[in-house]
Each structure stands twice: as C-alpha cells, then as structure tokens.
Amino acid sequence: MSVRLHPHAQARMAERGTTEAEVTATVEQGERFPAKFGRTGFRRNFPFAGTWRGRTYATKQVEVYAVQEGGGWLAITLIVRYIGATENRS
C-alpha cells in the first residue's frame, strides 16, 4: 500500500516530532477508525524513551488522518501525543 504525504502533513511532522517512516507505519499497521469529513484515522503507539520539549516520555502516539486516493492513502494531517512523562533531574 502506498502512503503519500500532503504538504500540510509534511509541515506538521517536523513541528510535532514524528518521521515519515512512523507516519507510513501508522497507516499500514495502526488501528483504523472513522474520522470527520469522510476521512479515515489511523493510530499507533511507538516506544519513545526520549525527551520532547524538556520532558522525558516513554511512548509516542501518532494519529494520521488520511483519504483513500487511487490504490493508496494521502495523509492530510497528523497529531502526535507523548505519553508517560517523567521528571528530568539535571
């Protein structure tokens, strides 16, 4: 299955801390759910164990909102949630 990125989704990736590989994996292997405006949502959790904006998180959850186009998907936008925050002790 092919996954293409709309320019809006590409811009959101850098802002929200995800990669094209994670977006593709979310569409290909994530949980599928209906979304507004005839779109389809995909959700997947990734082990993170990293720092985002000064806090350490255990998990990164990526949600992709896409439309079917031809034989593949066009990712319109995405949301990233960081889960399991811990205090940084420096």
C-alpha atoms as a PDB file:
ATOM      1  CA  MET A   1       0.000   0.000   0.000  1.00  0.00           C
ATOM      2  CA  SER A   2       1.344   3.426  -0.845  1.00  0.00           C
ATOM      3  CA  VAL A   3       1.204   6.353   1.564  1.00  0.00           C
ATOM      4  CA  ARG A   4       1.756   9.858   0.233  1.00  0.00           C
ATOM      5  CA  LEU A   5       2.086  12.983   2.351  1.00  0.00           C
ATOM      6  CA  HIS A   6       0.143  16.161   1.703  1.00  0.00           C
ATOM      7  CA  PRO A   7       2.347  19.277   2.130  1.00  0.00           C
ATOM      8  CA  HIS A   8       0.345  20.131   5.278  1.00  0.00           C
ATOM      9  CA  ALA A   9       1.203  16.738   6.814  1.00  0.00           C
ATOM     10  CA  GLN A  10       4.876  17.181   5.900  1.00  0.00           C
ATOM     11  CA  ALA A  11       4.989  20.522   7.692  1.00  0.00           C
ATOM     12  CA  ARG A  12       3.304  19.077  10.794  1.00  0.00           C
ATOM     13  CA  MET A  13       5.801  16.182  11.038  1.00  0.00           C
ATOM     14  CA  ALA A  14       8.722  18.427  11.991  1.00  0.00           C
ATOM     15  CA  GLU A  15       6.602  20.604  14.295  1.00  0.00           C
ATOM     16  CA  ARG A  16       5.208  17.625  16.169  1.00  0.00           C
ATOM     17  CA  GLY A  17       8.240  15.355  16.263  1.00  0.00           C
ATOM     18  CA  THR A  18       7.497  12.399  14.031  1.00  0.00           C
ATOM     19  CA  THR A  19       9.058  10.902  10.917  1.00  0.00           C
ATOM     20  CA  GLU A  20       7.797   9.818   7.520  1.00  0.00           C
ATOM     21  CA  ALA A  21       8.579   6.202   8.472  1.00  0.00           C
ATOM     22  CA  GLU A  22       6.369   6.479  11.583  1.00  0.00           C
ATOM     23  CA  VAL A  23       3.549   8.059   9.580  1.00  0.00           C
ATOM     24  CA  THR A  24       3.731   5.269   6.992  1.00  0.00           C
ATOM     25  CA  ALA A  25       3.845   2.568   9.691  1.00  0.00           C
ATOM     26  CA  THR A  26       0.831   4.140  11.400  1.00  0.00           C
ATOM     27  CA  VAL A  27      -1.239   3.979   8.208  1.00  0.00           C
ATOM     28  CA  GLU A  28      -0.049   0.490   7.270  1.00  0.00           C
ATOM     29  CA  GLN A  29      -0.158  -1.166  10.705  1.00  0.00           C
ATOM     30  CA  GLY A  30      -2.095   1.094  13.059  1.00  0.00           C
ATOM     31  CA  GLU A  31      -5.625   0.940  14.414  1.00  0.00           C
ATOM     32  CA  ARG A  32      -8.125   2.306  11.901  1.00  0.00           C
ATOM     33  CA  PHE A  33     -11.117   4.474  12.912  1.00  0.00           C
ATOM     34  CA  PRO A  34     -13.661   6.698  11.143  1.00  0.00           C
ATOM     35  CA  ALA A  35     -12.985  10.447  11.204  1.00  0.00           C
ATOM     36  CA  LYS A  36     -14.782  13.643  10.196  1.00  0.00           C
ATOM     37  CA  PHE A  37     -15.182  14.867   6.624  1.00  0.00           C
ATOM     38  CA  GLY A  38     -15.051  11.368   5.118  1.00  0.00           C
ATOM     39  CA  ARG A  39     -11.501  10.798   6.286  1.00  0.00           C
ATOM     40  CA  THR A  40     -10.032   7.754   7.975  1.00  0.00           C
ATOM     41  CA  GLY A  41      -7.937   7.972  11.123  1.00  0.00           C
ATOM     42  CA  PHE A  42      -5.048   5.682  11.968  1.00  0.00           C
ATOM     43  CA  ARG A  43      -3.432   5.429  15.412  1.00  0.00           C
ATOM     44  CA  ARG A  44      -0.292   3.670  16.565  1.00  0.00           C
ATOM     45  CA  ASN A  45       1.937   3.795  19.658  1.00  0.00           C
ATOM     46  CA  PHE A  46       5.725   3.756  19.328  1.00  0.00           C
ATOM     47  CA  PRO A  47       8.251   3.166  22.125  1.00  0.00           C
ATOM     48  CA  PHE A  48       9.939   6.525  22.617  1.00  0.00           C
ATOM     49  CA  ALA A  49      12.017   6.712  25.827  1.00  0.00           C
ATOM     50  CA  GLY A  50      13.223  10.137  24.773  1.00  0.00           C
ATOM     51  CA  THR A  51      12.894  13.825  25.510  1.00  0.00           C
ATOM     52  CA  TRP A  52      10.413  16.170  23.866  1.00  0.00           C
ATOM     53  CA  ARG A  53      10.343  19.842  24.867  1.00  0.00           C
ATOM     54  CA  GLY A  54      12.296  19.265  28.049  1.00  0.00           C
ATOM     55  CA  ARG A  55      10.345  16.280  29.388  1.00  0.00           C
ATOM     56  CA  THR A  56      11.063  12.583  29.061  1.00  0.00           C
ATOM     57  CA  TYR A  57       8.333  10.293  27.734  1.00  0.00           C
ATOM     58  CA  ALA A  58       8.007   6.532  27.416  1.00  0.00           C
ATOM     59  CA  THR A  59       5.648   6.411  24.435  1.00  0.00           C
ATOM     60  CA  LYS A  60       4.852   8.436  21.333  1.00  0.00           C
ATOM     61  CA  GLN A  61       1.346   8.070  19.870  1.00  0.00           C
ATOM     62  CA  VAL A  62       0.920   9.061  16.234  1.00  0.00           C
ATOM     63  CA  GLU A  63      -2.521   9.721  14.702  1.00  0.00           C
ATOM     64  CA  VAL A  64      -2.777  10.202  10.954  1.00  0.00           C
ATOM     65  CA  TYR A  65      -5.881  11.473   9.155  1.00  0.00           C
ATOM     66  CA  ALA A  66      -5.990  10.364   5.531  1.00  0.00           C
ATOM     67  CA  VAL A  67      -8.164   9.884   2.466  1.00  0.00           C
ATOM     68  CA  GLN A  68      -8.050   6.984   0.074  1.00  0.00           C
ATOM     69  CA  GLU A  69      -6.648   8.044  -3.265  1.00  0.00           C
ATOM     70  CA  GLY A  70      -6.167   5.601  -6.094  1.00  0.00           C
ATOM     71  CA  GLY A  71      -4.670   2.435  -4.649  1.00  0.00           C
ATOM     72  CA  GLY A  72      -3.157   4.139  -1.607  1.00  0.00           C
ATOM     73  CA  TRP A  73      -3.603   6.782   1.076  1.00  0.00           C
ATOM     74  CA  LEU A  74      -2.972  10.513   1.145  1.00  0.00           C
ATOM     75  CA  ALA A  75      -2.075  11.639   4.682  1.00  0.00           C
ATOM     76  CA  ILE A  76      -3.715  15.037   5.183  1.00  0.00           C
ATOM     77  CA  THR A  77      -2.648  15.871   8.738  1.00  0.00           C
ATOM     78  CA  LEU A  78      -1.327  14.249  11.884  1.00  0.00           C
ATOM     79  CA  ILE A  79      -1.284  14.582  15.635  1.00  0.00           C
ATOM     80  CA  VAL A  80       1.442  13.358  17.981  1.00  0.00           C
ATOM     81  CA  ARG A  81       0.907  12.738  21.687  1.00  0.00           C
ATOM     82  CA  TYR A  82       3.675  11.994  24.135  1.00  0.00           C
ATOM     83  CA  ILE A  83       2.654   9.675  26.967  1.00  0.00           C
ATOM     84  CA  GLY A  84       4.225   8.673  30.266  1.00  0.00           C
ATOM     85  CA  ALA A  85       6.093  11.853  31.245  1.00  0.00           C
ATOM     86  CA  THR A  86       8.769  11.644  33.903  1.00  0.00           C
ATOM     87  CA  GLU A  87      10.677  14.419  35.648  1.00  0.00           C
ATOM     88  CA  ASN A  88      14.094  15.297  34.255  1.00  0.00           C
ATOM     89  CA  ARG A  89      16.588  15.602  37.102  1.00  0.00           C
ATOM     90  CA  SER A  90      19.616  17.505  35.891  1.00  0.00           C
END
